[in-house]
Amino acid sequence: MPSPYTSKESREDAYELSNNLNIKATEVSIDSIYTTYIDALKKEFADLPFDATEENIQARIRGNILMAFSNKFGWLVLTTGNKSEMSVGYATLYGDMAGGFAVIKDVPKTLVYRICKWRNNREGKAVIPERVLWREPSAELRSDQKDTDTLPPYEVLDPILKAYVEEDKSFDVIVNLGCDTECAKKVIKMIDTSVYNIVTGK
């Protein structure tokens, strides 16, 4: 479901993956739908800067399209967020959080990469395109966006999540896991805020 911010590389990797797994790929552009949303809101949003609102609109359009396919064909929509993203709210309610089954919600991002590499090694070929495993992750909801614009690298984030959420470690312990004081405070605040937003539906 490409938008104006979807890269050529993402499209290529999606089609290569679907071919490798013998999955039918269906492409539905959200360009015109997104433009319609922005036009409908331009009066109320006049003179306000582009922010997460416009980013989230794209994810929510995609959620609507997926649910339309689900309704029409009886398909199950899979929520794609992993534990790292979901824990800190790096996902969109009614967007990429929409779905009937969150397959990897308890799998940290770093483990997702390890599983992908294991699968490729088991097959003896790159079933999952190699570029997916080394390319810097991005939600591609604005120009030149990278996950690290908002989050610390996943190699830093995942140990903090484990220590704070699963092991109830003290702040002093967390701060020694590779993230400075401000970084650790930011991650903990994101986790706490994310839990609140999911519970309240914000």
Protein backbone atom coordinates (compact mmCIF):
# COMPACT_ATOMS: atom_id res chain seq x y z
CA MET A 1 0.00 0.00 0.00
CA PRO A 2 2.50 2.60 -1.18
CA SER A 3 2.26 6.24 -0.16
CA PRO A 4 4.25 9.25 -1.40
CA TYR A 5 6.95 8.26 1.13
CA THR A 6 7.31 4.59 0.18
CA SER A 7 10.76 3.87 -1.20
CA LYS A 8 11.58 1.95 -4.34
CA GLU A 9 13.60 -0.46 -2.18
CA SER A 10 10.64 -1.29 0.05
CA ARG A 11 8.46 -2.09 -2.94
CA GLU A 12 11.16 -4.28 -4.49
CA ASP A 13 11.74 -6.16 -1.23
CA ALA A 14 8.00 -6.73 -0.71
CA TYR A 15 7.60 -8.27 -4.17
CA GLU A 16 10.77 -10.35 -3.82
CA LEU A 17 9.57 -11.70 -0.47
CA SER A 18 6.11 -12.55 -1.81
CA ASN A 19 7.68 -14.36 -4.77
CA ASN A 20 10.04 -16.31 -2.51
CA LEU A 21 7.15 -17.42 -0.26
CA ASN A 22 4.70 -18.02 -3.13
CA ILE A 23 2.32 -15.42 -1.71
CA LYS A 24 0.08 -13.43 -4.03
CA ALA A 25 0.93 -9.72 -3.84
CA THR A 26 -1.83 -7.15 -4.27
CA GLU A 27 -0.89 -3.48 -4.55
CA VAL A 28 -3.33 -0.74 -3.55
CA SER A 29 -1.86 2.76 -3.62
CA ILE A 30 -3.00 5.12 -0.86
CA ASP A 31 -1.77 8.28 -2.62
CA SER A 32 -5.16 9.60 -3.74
CA ILE A 33 -6.91 8.56 -0.50
CA TYR A 34 -4.23 10.31 1.56
CA THR A 35 -4.56 13.46 -0.58
CA THR A 36 -8.33 13.40 -0.02
CA TYR A 37 -7.85 13.20 3.76
CA ILE A 38 -5.37 16.08 3.77
CA ASP A 39 -7.64 18.21 1.57
CA ALA A 40 -10.62 17.50 3.83
CA LEU A 41 -8.62 18.63 6.88
CA LYS A 42 -6.75 21.59 5.37
CA LYS A 43 -9.08 24.22 6.79
CA GLU A 44 -8.78 22.94 10.36
CA PHE A 45 -5.06 22.20 9.99
CA ALA A 46 -4.23 25.51 8.26
CA ASP A 47 -0.78 26.87 9.21
CA LEU A 48 -0.02 23.87 11.41
CA PRO A 49 3.18 21.91 10.69
CA PHE A 50 3.29 18.34 9.36
CA ASP A 51 3.64 15.99 12.34
CA ALA A 52 2.62 12.55 13.60
CA THR A 53 -1.00 13.35 12.70
CA GLU A 54 -0.32 13.19 8.97
CA GLU A 55 1.95 10.17 9.48
CA ASN A 56 -0.75 8.29 11.37
CA ILE A 57 -3.40 9.09 8.76
CA GLN A 58 -1.40 6.96 6.30
CA ALA A 59 -1.24 4.01 8.69
CA ARG A 60 -4.97 4.29 9.41
CA ILE A 61 -5.85 4.35 5.72
CA ARG A 62 -3.88 1.12 5.34
CA GLY A 63 -5.72 -0.37 8.32
CA ASN A 64 -9.06 0.43 6.67
CA ILE A 65 -8.00 -1.16 3.39
CA LEU A 66 -6.80 -4.31 5.13
CA MET A 67 -10.06 -4.61 7.05
CA ALA A 68 -12.00 -4.16 3.81
CA PHE A 69 -10.15 -7.14 2.32
CA SER A 70 -10.82 -9.06 5.54
CA ASN A 71 -14.55 -8.32 5.38
CA LYS A 72 -14.86 -9.07 1.67
CA PHE A 73 -12.85 -12.29 1.54
CA GLY A 74 -12.93 -13.55 5.13
CA TRP A 75 -9.18 -13.14 5.53
CA LEU A 76 -7.45 -12.66 8.89
CA VAL A 77 -5.49 -9.40 9.17
CA LEU A 78 -2.14 -9.90 10.88
CA THR A 79 -0.87 -7.07 13.05
CA THR A 80 2.78 -6.57 12.14
CA GLY A 81 4.19 -4.74 15.18
CA ASN A 82 6.94 -6.42 17.17
CA LYS A 83 7.50 -6.16 20.93
CA SER A 84 10.04 -3.34 20.65
CA GLU A 85 7.71 -1.13 18.61
CA MET A 86 4.54 -1.96 20.54
CA SER A 87 6.15 -1.43 23.95
CA VAL A 88 7.18 2.15 23.23
CA GLY A 89 4.11 3.11 21.19
CA TYR A 90 5.97 3.15 17.88
CA ALA A 91 2.80 1.99 16.17
CA THR A 92 -0.52 3.56 15.19
CA LEU A 93 -3.78 2.74 16.95
CA TYR A 94 -6.36 1.76 14.29
CA GLY A 95 -3.48 1.66 11.81
CA ASP A 96 -0.73 -0.95 11.89
CA MET A 97 -2.12 -2.06 15.27
CA ALA A 98 -5.36 -3.14 13.56
CA GLY A 99 -5.75 -6.86 13.02
CA GLY A 100 -7.02 -10.12 14.39
CA PHE A 101 -3.71 -11.71 15.37
CA ALA A 102 -0.50 -10.00 16.46
CA VAL A 103 1.98 -12.67 15.36
CA ILE A 104 5.20 -11.15 16.70
CA LYS A 105 3.92 -8.87 19.47
CA ASP A 106 6.11 -10.68 22.01
CA VAL A 107 9.20 -10.85 19.80
CA PRO A 108 11.77 -8.04 20.21
CA LYS A 109 13.05 -6.44 17.01
CA THR A 110 16.57 -7.82 17.45
CA LEU A 111 15.13 -11.33 17.76
CA VAL A 112 13.02 -10.74 14.64
CA TYR A 113 16.26 -10.15 12.73
CA ARG A 114 17.83 -13.28 14.24
CA ILE A 115 14.81 -15.39 13.26
CA CYS A 116 14.99 -14.04 9.71
CA LYS A 117 18.68 -14.90 9.47
CA TRP A 118 17.98 -18.37 10.89
CA ARG A 119 15.27 -18.94 8.27
CA ASN A 120 17.58 -17.88 5.45
CA ASN A 121 20.37 -20.09 6.76
CA ARG A 122 18.01 -23.06 7.06
CA GLU A 123 16.85 -22.59 3.46
CA GLY A 124 20.39 -22.03 2.22
CA LYS A 125 19.26 -18.90 0.37
CA ALA A 126 17.84 -15.44 1.02
CA VAL A 127 14.13 -16.25 1.29
CA ILE A 128 13.85 -12.99 3.22
CA PRO A 129 15.70 -10.43 1.09
CA GLU A 130 19.12 -9.64 2.54
CA ARG A 131 18.50 -5.91 2.21
CA VAL A 132 15.66 -6.19 4.74
CA LEU A 133 18.20 -7.38 7.31
CA TRP A 134 20.80 -4.64 6.90
CA ARG A 135 18.83 -1.65 5.68
CA GLU A 136 18.14 0.98 8.34
CA PRO A 137 14.52 0.49 9.51
CA SER A 138 11.95 3.18 8.71
CA ALA A 139 8.18 3.57 8.96
CA GLU A 140 8.39 5.63 5.73
CA LEU A 141 5.62 7.98 6.81
CA ARG A 142 7.61 11.13 6.04
CA SER A 143 10.62 12.04 3.94
CA ASP A 144 13.92 10.45 5.01
CA GLN A 145 12.38 9.00 8.16
CA LYS A 146 14.37 6.53 10.25
CA ASP A 147 13.30 4.64 13.37
CA THR A 148 16.34 6.11 15.15
CA ASP A 149 14.83 9.60 14.73
CA THR A 150 12.48 8.58 17.55
CA LEU A 151 14.06 5.54 19.19
CA PRO A 152 17.54 4.46 20.25
CA PRO A 153 18.98 1.66 18.09
CA TYR A 154 17.13 -1.60 18.72
CA GLU A 155 20.32 -3.17 20.07
CA VAL A 156 20.11 -0.56 22.86
CA LEU A 157 16.32 -0.43 23.19
CA ASP A 158 15.64 -4.16 23.57
CA PRO A 159 17.79 -4.72 26.69
CA ILE A 160 16.11 -1.70 28.33
CA LEU A 161 12.66 -3.10 27.56
CA LYS A 162 13.62 -6.47 28.99
CA ALA A 163 15.08 -4.92 32.15
CA TYR A 164 12.19 -2.50 32.76
CA VAL A 165 9.14 -4.47 31.59
CA GLU A 166 10.08 -8.09 32.26
CA GLU A 167 12.62 -7.92 35.08
CA ASP A 168 11.50 -4.78 36.97
CA LYS A 169 15.10 -3.60 37.27
CA SER A 170 16.04 -0.33 38.94
CA PHE A 171 16.83 2.82 36.95
CA ASP A 172 20.50 2.54 37.97
CA VAL A 173 20.70 -0.89 36.38
CA ILE A 174 18.88 0.26 33.23
CA VAL A 175 21.16 3.25 32.75
CA ASN A 176 24.15 0.90 32.58
CA LEU A 177 22.72 -1.06 29.65
CA GLY A 178 24.18 1.20 26.96
CA CYS A 179 21.80 4.16 27.13
CA ASP A 180 22.67 7.42 28.90
CA THR A 181 20.43 8.93 31.57
CA GLU A 182 18.33 11.05 29.21
CA CYS A 183 17.93 8.18 26.77
CA ALA A 184 16.82 5.79 29.54
CA LYS A 185 14.33 8.35 30.89
CA LYS A 186 12.91 8.87 27.40
CA VAL A 187 12.46 5.13 26.78
CA ILE A 188 10.80 4.56 30.16
CA LYS A 189 8.44 7.49 29.56
CA MET A 190 7.55 6.10 26.13
CA ILE A 191 6.75 2.70 27.65
CA ASP A 192 4.58 4.19 30.40
CA THR A 193 2.80 6.53 27.97
CA SER A 194 2.20 3.69 25.52
CA VAL A 195 0.52 1.55 28.17
CA TYR A 196 -1.72 4.49 29.12
CA ASN A 197 -2.64 5.24 25.51
CA ILE A 198 -3.53 1.62 24.71
CA VAL A 199 -5.68 1.31 27.85
CA THR A 200 -7.47 4.64 27.22
CA GLY A 201 -7.70 4.22 23.44
CA LYS A 202 -5.78 7.40 22.65
